């Protein structure tokens, strides 16, 4: 999750709502492994 959050910060996303960001991370992380895998986004 920390890399996901840092990526948003590097893209210039300001005022990140951490709850919404975590919710989106968990939506993408379909196997609930704690990482977003290539297969989960393609």
N, C-alpha and C. Protein backbone atom coordinates (compact mmCIF):
# COMPACT_ATOMS: atom_id res chain seq x y z
N UNK A 1 0.81 -1.19 0.00
CA UNK A 1 0.00 0.00 0.00
C UNK A 1 0.86 1.26 0.00
N UNK A 2 1.99 1.22 0.69
CA UNK A 2 2.82 2.43 0.77
C UNK A 2 3.33 2.86 -0.60
N UNK A 3 3.67 1.90 -1.47
CA UNK A 3 4.11 2.25 -2.82
C UNK A 3 2.95 2.81 -3.64
N UNK A 4 1.76 2.26 -3.45
CA UNK A 4 0.55 2.74 -4.13
C UNK A 4 0.29 4.20 -3.73
N UNK A 5 0.40 4.48 -2.45
CA UNK A 5 0.19 5.84 -1.94
C UNK A 5 1.28 6.78 -2.46
N UNK A 6 2.53 6.34 -2.41
CA UNK A 6 3.65 7.15 -2.89
C UNK A 6 3.50 7.45 -4.38
N UNK A 7 3.04 6.48 -5.15
CA UNK A 7 2.81 6.69 -6.58
C UNK A 7 1.81 7.79 -6.84
N UNK A 8 0.76 7.83 -6.06
CA UNK A 8 -0.24 8.90 -6.20
C UNK A 8 0.38 10.26 -5.86
N UNK A 9 1.20 10.28 -4.82
CA UNK A 9 1.86 11.53 -4.43
C UNK A 9 2.81 12.01 -5.54
N UNK A 10 3.56 11.07 -6.14
CA UNK A 10 4.49 11.43 -7.21
C UNK A 10 3.77 11.93 -8.46
N UNK A 11 2.54 11.47 -8.66
CA UNK A 11 1.75 11.93 -9.81
C UNK A 11 1.11 13.29 -9.54
N UNK A 12 1.30 13.81 -8.34
CA UNK A 12 0.78 15.13 -8.02
C UNK A 12 -0.62 15.13 -7.44
N UNK A 13 -1.11 13.96 -7.06
CA UNK A 13 -2.42 13.89 -6.43
C UNK A 13 -2.29 14.48 -5.02
N UNK A 14 -3.03 15.53 -4.76
CA UNK A 14 -2.94 16.20 -3.47
C UNK A 14 -4.16 15.88 -2.61
N UNK A 15 -4.01 16.09 -1.32
CA UNK A 15 -5.10 15.85 -0.37
C UNK A 15 -5.69 14.46 -0.53
N UNK A 16 -4.82 13.46 -0.45
CA UNK A 16 -5.26 12.08 -0.62
C UNK A 16 -6.05 11.65 0.61
N UNK A 17 -7.27 11.20 0.37
CA UNK A 17 -8.09 10.62 1.43
C UNK A 17 -7.62 9.19 1.63
N UNK A 18 -6.92 8.93 2.71
CA UNK A 18 -6.31 7.62 2.90
C UNK A 18 -7.34 6.50 2.92
N UNK A 19 -8.50 6.73 3.47
CA UNK A 19 -9.55 5.71 3.48
C UNK A 19 -9.94 5.34 2.05
N UNK A 20 -10.17 6.34 1.21
CA UNK A 20 -10.55 6.09 -0.19
C UNK A 20 -9.42 5.40 -0.94
N UNK A 21 -8.18 5.80 -0.66
CA UNK A 21 -7.03 5.20 -1.33
C UNK A 21 -6.89 3.73 -0.93
N UNK A 22 -7.07 3.43 0.35
CA UNK A 22 -7.01 2.03 0.80
C UNK A 22 -8.15 1.20 0.19
N UNK A 23 -9.32 1.80 0.10
CA UNK A 23 -10.47 1.11 -0.49
C UNK A 23 -10.18 0.76 -1.95
N UNK A 24 -9.60 1.70 -2.69
CA UNK A 24 -9.25 1.47 -4.09
C UNK A 24 -8.15 0.41 -4.21
N UNK A 25 -7.16 0.47 -3.32
CA UNK A 25 -6.10 -0.53 -3.32
C UNK A 25 -6.67 -1.93 -3.12
N UNK A 26 -7.56 -2.08 -2.16
CA UNK A 26 -8.15 -3.39 -1.88
C UNK A 26 -9.08 -3.84 -3.00
N UNK A 27 -9.69 -2.91 -3.71
CA UNK A 27 -10.53 -3.27 -4.85
C UNK A 27 -9.68 -3.86 -5.98
N UNK A 28 -8.49 -3.29 -6.18
CA UNK A 28 -7.59 -3.77 -7.24
C UNK A 28 -6.90 -5.06 -6.82
N UNK A 29 -6.52 -5.17 -5.56
CA UNK A 29 -5.80 -6.34 -5.03
C UNK A 29 -6.77 -7.49 -4.83
N UNK A 30 -7.18 -8.10 -5.94
CA UNK A 30 -8.25 -9.10 -5.90
C UNK A 30 -7.88 -10.39 -5.16
N UNK A 31 -6.59 -10.72 -5.09
CA UNK A 31 -6.21 -11.93 -4.36
C UNK A 31 -5.87 -11.63 -2.90
N UNK A 32 -5.99 -10.35 -2.50
CA UNK A 32 -5.76 -9.90 -1.12
C UNK A 32 -4.37 -10.28 -0.60
N UNK A 33 -3.38 -10.23 -1.51
CA UNK A 33 -2.01 -10.57 -1.14
C UNK A 33 -1.21 -9.40 -0.59
N UNK A 34 -1.79 -8.21 -0.63
CA UNK A 34 -1.08 -7.04 -0.12
C UNK A 34 -0.25 -6.33 -1.16
N UNK A 35 -0.26 -6.86 -2.38
CA UNK A 35 0.45 -6.27 -3.50
C UNK A 35 -0.49 -6.23 -4.69
N UNK A 36 -0.29 -5.27 -5.58
CA UNK A 36 -1.07 -5.24 -6.81
C UNK A 36 -0.22 -5.90 -7.89
N UNK A 37 -0.68 -7.03 -8.36
CA UNK A 37 0.04 -7.79 -9.36
C UNK A 37 -0.36 -7.36 -10.76
N UNK A 38 0.52 -7.63 -11.73
CA UNK A 38 0.26 -7.28 -13.12
C UNK A 38 -1.08 -7.86 -13.57
N UNK A 39 -1.35 -9.10 -13.23
CA UNK A 39 -2.60 -9.77 -13.64
C UNK A 39 -3.84 -9.08 -13.06
N UNK A 40 -3.69 -8.39 -11.96
CA UNK A 40 -4.83 -7.74 -11.32
C UNK A 40 -5.19 -6.42 -11.98
N UNK A 41 -4.28 -5.85 -12.74
CA UNK A 41 -4.57 -4.57 -13.39
C UNK A 41 -4.72 -4.70 -14.90
N UNK A 42 -4.44 -5.85 -15.45
CA UNK A 42 -4.54 -6.03 -16.91
C UNK A 42 -5.64 -6.99 -17.28
